[in-house]
């Protein structure tokens, strides 16, 4: 009982203390909240910048693969034509 009463009294005193502090120094009581909001904003901004950089990196990789795919397709077509031409020449040579 005594512990519960002491805890209740301490809680009431704490509430009264903070209420009085808020009346006397309202801006100072809100400063930690403002600092937290500023930190949260910085974190969100930093996270967004990291996200944008990752997206930019992925776009660059996609562009590299796109160029590689185009070059590979062109080279494969060239090799296919060269092989068909060589095959045709060999068939003509054998038929002669």
PDB file of N, CA and C in Angstrom:
ATOM      1  N   UNK A   1       0.824  -1.200   0.000  1.00  0.00           N
ATOM      2  CA  UNK A   1       0.000   0.000   0.000  1.00  0.00           C
ATOM      3  C   UNK A   1       0.860   1.251   0.000  1.00  0.00           C
ATOM      4  N   UNK A   2       1.844   1.260   0.872  1.00  0.00           N
ATOM      5  CA  UNK A   2       2.688   2.448   1.000  1.00  0.00           C
ATOM      6  C   UNK A   2       3.458   2.698  -0.298  1.00  0.00           C
ATOM      7  N   UNK A   3       3.943   1.623  -0.933  1.00  0.00           N
ATOM      8  CA  UNK A   3       4.691   1.782  -2.185  1.00  0.00           C
ATOM      9  C   UNK A   3       3.774   2.353  -3.264  1.00  0.00           C
ATOM     10  N   UNK A   4       2.556   1.821  -3.350  1.00  0.00           N
ATOM     11  CA  UNK A   4       1.599   2.317  -4.346  1.00  0.00           C
ATOM     12  C   UNK A   4       1.265   3.780  -4.086  1.00  0.00           C
ATOM     13  N   UNK A   5       1.094   4.143  -2.831  1.00  0.00           N
ATOM     14  CA  UNK A   5       0.786   5.537  -2.479  1.00  0.00           C
ATOM     15  C   UNK A   5       1.965   6.440  -2.813  1.00  0.00           C
ATOM     16  N   UNK A   6       3.186   5.973  -2.517  1.00  0.00           N
ATOM     17  CA  UNK A   6       4.380   6.758  -2.840  1.00  0.00           C
ATOM     18  C   UNK A   6       4.519   6.946  -4.357  1.00  0.00           C
ATOM     19  N   UNK A   7       4.251   5.894  -5.101  1.00  0.00           N
ATOM     20  CA  UNK A   7       4.330   5.981  -6.561  1.00  0.00           C
ATOM     21  C   UNK A   7       3.280   6.945  -7.102  1.00  0.00           C
ATOM     22  N   UNK A   8       2.088   6.876  -6.540  1.00  0.00           N
ATOM     23  CA  UNK A   8       1.007   7.782  -6.954  1.00  0.00           C
ATOM     24  C   UNK A   8       1.397   9.226  -6.663  1.00  0.00           C
ATOM     25  N   UNK A   9       1.957   9.459  -5.484  1.00  0.00           N
ATOM     26  CA  UNK A   9       2.374  10.809  -5.087  1.00  0.00           C
ATOM     27  C   UNK A   9       3.491  11.306  -6.013  1.00  0.00           C
ATOM     28  N   UNK A  10       4.454  10.451  -6.318  1.00  0.00           N
ATOM     29  CA  UNK A  10       5.554  10.830  -7.210  1.00  0.00           C
ATOM     30  C   UNK A  10       5.027  11.164  -8.602  1.00  0.00           C
ATOM     31  N   UNK A  11       4.068  10.394  -9.061  1.00  0.00           N
ATOM     32  CA  UNK A  11       3.468  10.653 -10.375  1.00  0.00           C
ATOM     33  C   UNK A  11       2.770  12.005 -10.389  1.00  0.00           C
ATOM     34  N   UNK A  12       2.005  12.278  -9.347  1.00  0.00           N
ATOM     35  CA  UNK A  12       1.291  13.553  -9.254  1.00  0.00           C
ATOM     36  C   UNK A  12       2.269  14.721  -9.189  1.00  0.00           C
ATOM     37  N   UNK A  13       3.355  14.552  -8.440  1.00  0.00           N
ATOM     38  CA  UNK A  13       4.358  15.612  -8.339  1.00  0.00           C
ATOM     39  C   UNK A  13       5.045  15.846  -9.689  1.00  0.00           C
ATOM     40  N   UNK A  14       5.311  14.770 -10.393  1.00  0.00           N
ATOM     41  CA  UNK A  14       5.945  14.891 -11.704  1.00  0.00           C
ATOM     42  C   UNK A  14       5.033  15.618 -12.680  1.00  0.00           C
ATOM     43  N   UNK A  15       3.768  15.244 -12.686  1.00  0.00           N
ATOM     44  CA  UNK A  15       2.801  15.909 -13.564  1.00  0.00           C
ATOM     45  C   UNK A  15       2.702  17.384 -13.208  1.00  0.00           C
ATOM     46  N   UNK A  16       2.625  17.684 -11.923  1.00  0.00           N
ATOM     47  CA  UNK A  16       2.545  19.082 -11.479  1.00  0.00           C
ATOM     48  C   UNK A  16       3.809  19.843 -11.871  1.00  0.00           C
ATOM     49  N   UNK A  17       4.976  19.209 -11.716  1.00  0.00           N
ATOM     50  CA  UNK A  17       6.236  19.853 -12.075  1.00  0.00           C
ATOM     51  C   UNK A  17       6.268  20.195 -13.566  1.00  0.00           C
ATOM     52  N   UNK A  18       5.914  19.219 -14.401  1.00  0.00           N
ATOM     53  CA  UNK A  18       5.942  19.473 -15.842  1.00  0.00           C
ATOM     54  C   UNK A  18       4.884  20.480 -16.264  1.00  0.00           C
ATOM     55  N   UNK A  19       3.739  20.464 -15.608  1.00  0.00           N
ATOM     56  CA  UNK A  19       2.704  21.459 -15.916  1.00  0.00           C
ATOM     57  C   UNK A  19       3.213  22.859 -15.588  1.00  0.00           C
ATOM     58  N   UNK A  20       3.873  23.002 -14.454  1.00  0.00           N
ATOM     59  CA  UNK A  20       4.423  24.302 -14.058  1.00  0.00           C
ATOM     60  C   UNK A  20       5.546  24.728 -15.009  1.00  0.00           C
ATOM     61  N   UNK A  21       6.410  23.790 -15.361  1.00  0.00           N
ATOM     62  CA  UNK A  21       7.497  24.099 -16.294  1.00  0.00           C
ATOM     63  C   UNK A  21       6.944  24.539 -17.651  1.00  0.00           C
ATOM     64  N   UNK A  22       5.888  23.874 -18.083  1.00  0.00           N
ATOM     65  CA  UNK A  22       5.279  24.214 -19.365  1.00  0.00           C
ATOM     66  C   UNK A  22       4.683  25.613 -19.325  1.00  0.00           C
ATOM     67  N   UNK A  23       4.112  25.990 -18.178  1.00  0.00           N
ATOM     68  CA  UNK A  23       3.556  27.342 -18.036  1.00  0.00           C
ATOM     69  C   UNK A  23       4.672  28.383 -18.030  1.00  0.00           C
ATOM     70  N   UNK A  24       5.750  28.098 -17.331  1.00  0.00           N
ATOM     71  CA  UNK A  24       6.832  29.077 -17.186  1.00  0.00           C
ATOM     72  C   UNK A  24       7.743  29.145 -18.419  1.00  0.00           C
ATOM     73  N   UNK A  25       8.017  28.004 -19.025  1.00  0.00           N
ATOM     74  CA  UNK A  25       8.961  27.941 -20.154  1.00  0.00           C
ATOM     75  C   UNK A  25       8.381  27.083 -21.285  1.00  0.00           C
ATOM     76  N   UNK A  26       7.328  27.558 -21.911  1.00  0.00           N
ATOM     77  CA  UNK A  26       6.683  26.702 -22.922  1.00  0.00           C
ATOM     78  C   UNK A  26       7.605  26.349 -24.097  1.00  0.00           C
ATOM     79  N   UNK A  27       8.419  27.294 -24.530  1.00  0.00           N
ATOM     80  CA  UNK A  27       9.284  27.007 -25.679  1.00  0.00           C
ATOM     81  C   UNK A  27      10.391  26.026 -25.330  1.00  0.00           C
ATOM     82  N   UNK A  28      10.932  26.146 -24.124  1.00  0.00           N
ATOM     83  CA  UNK A  28      12.002  25.225 -23.726  1.00  0.00           C
ATOM     84  C   UNK A  28      11.486  23.805 -23.558  1.00  0.00           C
ATOM     85  N   UNK A  29      10.245  23.668 -23.163  1.00  0.00           N
ATOM     86  CA  UNK A  29       9.674  22.324 -23.021  1.00  0.00           C
ATOM     87  C   UNK A  29       9.434  21.698 -24.398  1.00  0.00           C
ATOM     88  N   UNK A  30       9.216  22.548 -25.388  1.00  0.00           N
ATOM     89  CA  UNK A  30       8.949  22.030 -26.732  1.00  0.00           C
ATOM     90  C   UNK A  30      10.227  21.843 -27.557  1.00  0.00           C
ATOM     91  N   UNK A  31      11.338  22.386 -27.084  1.00  0.00           N
ATOM     92  CA  UNK A  31      12.598  22.305 -27.831  1.00  0.00           C
ATOM     93  C   UNK A  31      13.000  20.860 -28.155  1.00  0.00           C
ATOM     94  N   UNK A  32      12.947  19.920 -27.198  1.00  0.00           N
ATOM     95  CA  UNK A  32      13.317  18.532 -27.556  1.00  0.00           C
ATOM     96  C   UNK A  32      12.435  17.965 -28.672  1.00  0.00           C
ATOM     97  N   UNK A  33      11.149  18.338 -28.650  1.00  0.00           N
ATOM     98  CA  UNK A  33      10.255  17.869 -29.710  1.00  0.00           C
ATOM     99  C   UNK A  33      10.672  18.460 -31.055  1.00  0.00           C
ATOM    100  N   UNK A  34      10.997  19.728 -31.064  1.00  0.00           N
ATOM    101  CA  UNK A  34      11.445  20.372 -32.302  1.00  0.00           C
ATOM    102  C   UNK A  34      12.758  19.765 -32.787  1.00  0.00           C
ATOM    103  N   UNK A  35      13.660  19.469 -31.860  1.00  0.00           N
ATOM    104  CA  UNK A  35      14.927  18.845 -32.239  1.00  0.00           C
ATOM    105  C   UNK A  35      14.688  17.457 -32.826  1.00  0.00           C
ATOM    106  N   UNK A  36      13.757  16.734 -32.215  1.00  0.00           N
ATOM    107  CA  UNK A  36      13.422  15.408 -32.730  1.00  0.00           C
ATOM    108  C   UNK A  36      12.815  15.517 -34.129  1.00  0.00           C
ATOM    109  N   UNK A  37      11.922  16.478 -34.311  1.00  0.00           N
ATOM    110  CA  UNK A  37      11.310  16.674 -35.628  1.00  0.00           C
ATOM    111  C   UNK A  37      12.374  17.025 -36.661  1.00  0.00           C
ATOM    112  N   UNK A  38      13.332  17.860 -36.270  1.00  0.00           N
ATOM    113  CA  UNK A  38      14.411  18.225 -37.191  1.00  0.00           C
ATOM    114  C   UNK A  38      15.249  17.001 -37.553  1.00  0.00           C
ATOM    115  N   UNK A  39      15.557  16.177 -36.557  1.00  0.00           N
ATOM    116  CA  UNK A  39      16.323  14.951 -36.828  1.00  0.00           C
ATOM    117  C   UNK A  39      15.542  14.006 -37.729  1.00  0.00           C
ATOM    118  N   UNK A  40      14.248  13.894 -37.468  1.00  0.00           N
ATOM    119  CA  UNK A  40      13.398  13.039 -38.289  1.00  0.00           C
ATOM    120  C   UNK A  40      13.368  13.543 -39.729  1.00  0.00           C
ATOM    121  N   UNK A  41      13.258  14.858 -39.886  1.00  0.00           N
ATOM    122  CA  UNK A  41      13.263  15.440 -41.227  1.00  0.00           C
ATOM    123  C   UNK A  41      14.592  15.165 -41.931  1.00  0.00           C
ATOM    124  N   UNK A  42      15.701  15.330 -41.208  1.00  0.00           N
ATOM    125  CA  UNK A  42      17.019  15.049 -41.790  1.00  0.00           C
ATOM    126  C   UNK A  42      17.123  13.586 -42.205  1.00  0.00           C
ATOM    127  N   UNK A  43      16.600  12.698 -41.363  1.00  0.00           N
ATOM    128  CA  UNK A  43      16.642  11.270 -41.683  1.00  0.00           C
ATOM    129  C   UNK A  43      15.825  10.982 -42.936  1.00  0.00           C
ATOM    130  N   UNK A  44      14.617  11.554 -42.991  1.00  0.00           N
ATOM    131  CA  UNK A  44      13.764  11.327 -44.160  1.00  0.00           C
ATOM    132  C   UNK A  44      14.415  11.879 -45.421  1.00  0.00           C
ATOM    133  N   UNK A  45      15.020  13.059 -45.302  1.00  0.00           N
ATOM    134  CA  UNK A  45      15.697  13.658 -46.452  1.00  0.00           C
ATOM    135  C   UNK A  45      16.871  12.784 -46.887  1.00  0.00           C
ATOM    136  N   UNK A  46      17.657  12.338 -45.924  1.00  0.00           N
ATOM    137  CA  UNK A  46      18.789  11.465 -46.236  1.00  0.00           C
ATOM    138  C   UNK A  46      18.342  10.160 -46.867  1.00  0.00           C
ATOM    139  N   UNK A  47      17.289   9.577 -46.319  1.00  0.00           N
ATOM    140  CA  UNK A  47      16.774   8.317 -46.865  1.00  0.00           C
ATOM    141  C   UNK A  47      16.278   8.524 -48.297  1.00  0.00           C
ATOM    142  N   UNK A  48      15.625   9.652 -48.547  1.00  0.00           N
ATOM    143  CA  UNK A  48      15.124   9.936 -49.895  1.00  0.00           C
ATOM    144  C   UNK A  48      16.287  10.109 -50.868  1.00  0.00           C
ATOM    145  N   UNK A  49      17.336  10.811 -50.440  1.00  0.00           N
ATOM    146  CA  UNK A  49      18.506  10.998 -51.304  1.00  0.00           C
ATOM    147  C   UNK A  49      19.164   9.662 -51.628  1.00  0.00           C
ATOM    148  N   UNK A  50      19.260   8.790 -50.638  1.00  0.00           N
ATOM    149  CA  UNK A  50      19.831   7.456 -50.872  1.00  0.00           C
ATOM    150  C   UNK A  50      18.960   6.681 -51.855  1.00  0.00           C
ATOM    151  N   UNK A  51      17.637   6.762 -51.662  1.00  0.00           N
ATOM    152  CA  UNK A  51      16.709   6.077 -52.564  1.00  0.00           C
ATOM    153  C   UNK A  51      16.868   6.594 -53.994  1.00  0.00           C
ATOM    154  N   UNK A  52      16.910   7.921 -54.148  1.00  0.00           N
ATOM    155  CA  UNK A  52      17.076   8.500 -55.483  1.00  0.00           C
ATOM    156  C   UNK A  52      18.387   8.051 -56.123  1.00  0.00           C
ATOM    157  N   UNK A  53      19.448   7.972 -55.339  1.00  0.00           N
ATOM    158  CA  UNK A  53      20.742   7.534 -55.866  1.00  0.00           C
ATOM    159  C   UNK A  53      20.674   6.077 -56.316  1.00  0.00           C
ATOM    160  N   UNK A  54      20.001   5.241 -55.530  1.00  0.00           N
ATOM    161  CA  UNK A  54      19.864   3.827 -55.903  1.00  0.00           C
ATOM    162  C   UNK A  54      19.075   3.695 -57.203  1.00  0.00           C
ATOM    163  N   UNK A  55      18.005   4.487 -57.335  1.00  0.00           N
ATOM    164  CA  UNK A  55      17.209   4.452 -58.566  1.00  0.00           C
ATOM    165  C   UNK A  55      18.062   4.896 -59.749  1.00  0.00           C
ATOM    166  N   UNK A  56      18.832   5.955 -59.553  1.00  0.00           N
ATOM    167  CA  UNK A  56      19.723   6.444 -60.611  1.00  0.00           C
ATOM    168  C   UNK A  56      20.748   5.375 -60.991  1.00  0.00           C
ATOM    169  N   UNK A  57      21.305   4.695 -59.992  1.00  0.00           N
ATOM    170  CA  UNK A  57      22.266   3.617 -60.258  1.00  0.00           C
ATOM    171  C   UNK A  57      21.620   2.487 -61.060  1.00  0.00           C
ATOM    172  N   UNK A  58      20.393   2.126 -60.693  1.00  0.00           N
ATOM    173  CA  UNK A  58      19.691   1.061 -61.419  1.00  0.00           C
ATOM    174  C   UNK A  58      19.411   1.470 -62.858  1.00  0.00           C
ATOM    175  N   UNK A  59      19.057   2.731 -63.061  1.00  0.00           N
ATOM    176  CA  UNK A  59      18.824   3.207 -64.429  1.00  0.00           C
ATOM    177  C   UNK A  59      20.114   3.146 -65.248  1.00  0.00           C
ATOM    178  N   UNK A  60      21.228   3.492 -64.624  1.00  0.00           N
ATOM    179  CA  UNK A  60      22.515   3.430 -65.321  1.00  0.00           C
ATOM    180  C   UNK A  60      22.854   1.991 -65.698  1.00  0.00           C
ATOM    181  N   UNK A  61      22.623   1.064 -64.783  1.00  0.00           N
ATOM    182  CA  UNK A  61      22.882  -0.353 -65.067  1.00  0.00           C
ATOM    183  C   UNK A  61      21.972  -0.833 -66.193  1.00  0.00           C
ATOM    184  N   UNK A  62      20.711  -0.435 -66.138  1.00  0.00           N
ATOM    185  CA  UNK A  62      19.771  -0.820 -67.197  1.00  0.00           C
ATOM    186  C   UNK A  62      20.248  -0.291 -68.545  1.00  0.00           C
ATOM    187  N   UNK A  63      20.737   0.940 -68.564  1.00  0.00           N
ATOM    188  CA  UNK A  63      21.242   1.532 -69.807  1.00  0.00           C
ATOM    189  C   UNK A  63      22.443   0.745 -70.329  1.00  0.00           C
ATOM    190  N   UNK A  64      23.341   0.372 -69.430  1.00  0.00           N
ATOM    191  CA  UNK A  64      24.517  -0.413 -69.838  1.00  0.00           C
ATOM    192  C   UNK A  64      24.077  -1.739 -70.452  1.00  0.00           C
ATOM    193  N   UNK A  65      23.139  -2.424 -69.800  1.00  0.00           N
ATOM    194  CA  UNK A  65      22.664  -3.702 -70.329  1.00  0.00           C
ATOM    195  C   UNK A  65      21.928  -3.520 -71.652  1.00  0.00           C
ATOM    196  N   UNK A  66      21.210  -2.421 -71.784  1.00  0.00           N
ATOM    197  CA  UNK A  66      20.498  -2.148 -73.027  1.00  0.00           C
ATOM    198  C   UNK A  66      21.482  -1.979 -74.181  1.00  0.00           C
ATOM    199  N   UNK A  67      22.531  -1.202 -73.954  1.00  0.00           N
ATOM    200  CA  UNK A  67      23.562  -1.005 -74.983  1.00  0.00           C
ATOM    201  C   UNK A  67      24.243  -2.337 -75.290  1.00  0.00           C
ATOM    202  N   UNK A  68      24.565  -3.095 -74.254  1.00  0.00           N
ATOM    203  CA  UNK A  68      25.202  -4.402 -74.445  1.00  0.00           C
ATOM    204  C   UNK A  68      24.294  -5.324 -75.260  1.00  0.00           C
ATOM    205  N   UNK A  69      23.008  -5.333 -74.933  1.00  0.00           N
ATOM    206  CA  UNK A  69      22.055  -6.185 -75.646  1.00  0.00           C
ATOM    207  C   UNK A  69      21.982  -5.787 -77.125  1.00  0.00           C
ATOM    208  N   UNK A  70      21.960  -4.484 -77.394  1.00  0.00           N
ATOM    209  CA  UNK A  70      21.916  -4.023 -78.787  1.00  0.00           C
ATOM    210  C   UNK A  70      23.164  -4.466 -79.546  1.00  0.00           C
ATOM    211  N   UNK A  71      24.308  -4.288 -78.930  1.00  0.00           N
ATOM    212  CA  UNK A  71      25.566  -4.687 -79.583  1.00  0.00           C
ATOM    213  C   UNK A  71      25.620  -6.198 -79.802  1.00  0.00           C
ATOM    214  N   UNK A  72      25.183  -6.946 -78.803  1.00  0.00           N
ATOM    215  CA  UNK A  72      25.186  -8.406 -78.917  1.00  0.00           C
ATOM    216  C   UNK A  72      24.240  -8.859 -80.026  1.00  0.00           C
ATOM    217  N   UNK A  73      23.070  -8.266 -80.098  1.00  0.00           N
ATOM    218  CA  UNK A  73      22.108  -8.615 -81.144  1.00  0.00           C
ATOM    219  C   UNK A  73      22.684  -8.323 -82.522  1.00  0.00           C
ATOM    220  N   UNK A  74      23.307  -7.158 -82.665  1.00  0.00           N
ATOM    221  CA  UNK A  74      23.927  -6.791 -83.944  1.00  0.00           C
ATOM    222  C   UNK A  74      25.032  -7.778 -84.313  1.00  0.00           C
ATOM    223  N   UNK A  75      25.861  -8.115 -83.364  1.00  0.00           N
ATOM    224  CA  UNK A  75      26.969  -9.046 -83.617  1.00  0.00           C
ATOM    225  C   UNK A  75      26.452 -10.442 -83.956  1.00  0.00           C
ATOM    226  N   UNK A  76      25.416 -10.889 -83.261  1.00  0.00           N
ATOM    227  CA  UNK A  76      24.849 -12.212 -83.562  1.00  0.00           C
ATOM    228  C   UNK A  76      24.238 -12.242 -84.959  1.00  0.00           C
ATOM    229  N   UNK A  77      23.574 -11.174 -85.362  1.00  0.00           N
ATOM    230  CA  UNK A  77      23.020 -11.109 -86.723  1.00  0.00           C
ATOM    231  C   UNK A  77      24.141 -11.148 -87.759  1.00  0.00           C
ATOM    232  N   UNK A  78      25.209 -10.414 -87.500  1.00  0.00           N
ATOM    233  CA  UNK A  78      26.350 -10.396 -88.417  1.00  0.00           C
ATOM    234  C   UNK A  78      26.967 -11.788 -88.535  1.00  0.00           C
ATOM    235  N   UNK A  79      27.144 -12.450 -87.388  1.00  0.00           N
ATOM    236  CA  UNK A  79      27.716 -13.802 -87.407  1.00  0.00           C
ATOM    237  C   UNK A  79      26.791 -14.790 -88.111  1.00  0.00           C
ATOM    238  N   UNK A  80      25.508 -14.634 -87.900  1.00  0.00           N
ATOM    239  CA  UNK A  80      24.544 -15.515 -88.562  1.00  0.00           C
ATOM    240  C   UNK A  80      24.619 -15.330 -90.082  1.00  0.00           C
ATOM    241  N   UNK A  81      24.655 -14.084 -90.534  1.00  0.00           N
ATOM    242  CA  UNK A  81      24.754 -13.817 -91.975  1.00  0.00           C
ATOM    243  C   UNK A  81      26.069 -14.356 -92.536  1.00  0.00           C
ATOM    244  N   UNK A  82      27.142 -14.151 -91.795  1.00  0.00           N
ATOM    245  CA  UNK A  82      28.455 -14.643 -92.225  1.00  0.00           C
ATOM    246  C   UNK A  82      28.444 -16.169 -92.319  1.00  0.00           C
ATOM    247  N   UNK A  83      27.841 -16.819 -91.329  1.00  0.00           N
ATOM    248  CA  UNK A  83      27.774 -18.292 -91.336  1.00  0.00           C
ATOM    249  C   UNK A  83      26.929 -18.797 -92.496  1.00  0.00           C
ATOM    250  N   UNK A  84      25.800 -18.139 -92.742  1.00  0.00           N
ATOM    251  CA  UNK A  84      24.948 -18.555 -93.865  1.00  0.00           C
ATOM    252  C   UNK A  84      25.665 -18.353 -95.199  1.00  0.00           C
ATOM    253  N   UNK A  85      26.373 -17.248 -95.315  1.00  0.00           N
ATOM    254  CA  UNK A  85      27.126 -16.981 -96.543  1.00  0.00           C
ATOM    255  C   UNK A  85      28.218 -18.031 -96.725  1.00  0.00           C
ATOM    256  N   UNK A  86      28.924 -18.351 -95.651  1.00  0.00           N
ATOM    257  CA  UNK A  86      29.978 -19.370 -95.710  1.00  0.00           C
ATOM    258  C   UNK A  86      29.377 -20.733 -96.079  1.00  0.00           C
ATOM    259  N   UNK A  87      28.245 -21.057 -95.476  1.00  0.00           N
ATOM    260  CA  UNK A  87      27.559 -22.317 -95.771  1.00  0.00           C
ATOM    261  C   UNK A  87      27.153 -22.364 -97.243  1.00  0.00           C
ATOM    262  N   UNK A  88      26.609 -21.269 -97.727  1.00  0.00           N
ATOM    263  CA  UNK A  88      26.184 -21.201 -99.122  1.00  0.00           C
ATOM    264  C   UNK A  88      27.383 -21.366-100.058  1.00  0.00           C
ATOM    265  N   UNK A  89      28.500 -20.711 -99.730  1.00  0.00           N
ATOM    266  CA  UNK A  89      29.710 -20.828-100.550  1.00  0.00           C
ATOM    267  C   UNK A  89      30.220 -22.265-100.565  1.00  0.00           C
ATOM    268  N   UNK A  90      30.213 -22.922 -99.418  1.00  0.00           N
ATOM    269  CA  UNK A  90      30.691 -24.315 -99.341  1.00  0.00           C
ATOM    270  C   UNK A  90      29.774 -25.244-100.135  1.00  0.00           C
ATOM    271  N   UNK A  91      28.469 -25.000-100.017  1.00  0.00           N
ATOM    272  CA  UNK A  91      27.523 -25.839-100.767  1.00  0.00           C
ATOM    273  C   UNK A  91      27.721 -25.649-102.270  1.00  0.00           C
ATOM    274  N   UNK A  92      27.933 -24.410-102.694  1.00  0.00           N
ATOM    275  CA  UNK A  92      28.172 -24.117-104.114  1.00  0.00           C
ATOM    276  C   UNK A  92      29.476 -24.759-104.568  1.00  0.00           C
ATOM    277  N   UNK A  93      30.503 -24.676-103.734  1.00  0.00           N
ATOM    278  CA  UNK A  93      31.812 -25.260-104.055  1.00  0.00           C
ATOM    279  C   UNK A  93      31.710 -26.770-104.212  1.00  0.00           C
ATOM    280  N   UNK A  94      30.984 -27.415-103.322  1.00  0.00           N
ATOM    281  CA  UNK A  94      30.845 -28.876-103.376  1.00  0.00           C
ATOM    282  C   UNK A  94      30.005 -29.287-104.585  1.00  0.00           C
ATOM    283  N   UNK A  95      28.994 -28.491-104.901  1.00  0.00           N
ATOM    284  CA  UNK A  95      28.110 -28.816-106.021  1.00  0.00           C
ATOM    285  C   UNK A  95      28.815 -28.636-107.367  1.00  0.00           C
ATOM    286  N   UNK A  96      29.859 -27.830-107.422  1.00  0.00           N
ATOM    287  CA  UNK A  96      30.541 -27.566-108.703  1.00  0.00           C
ATOM    288  C   UNK A  96      31.416 -28.673-109.145  1.00  0.00           C
TER     289      UNK A  96
END
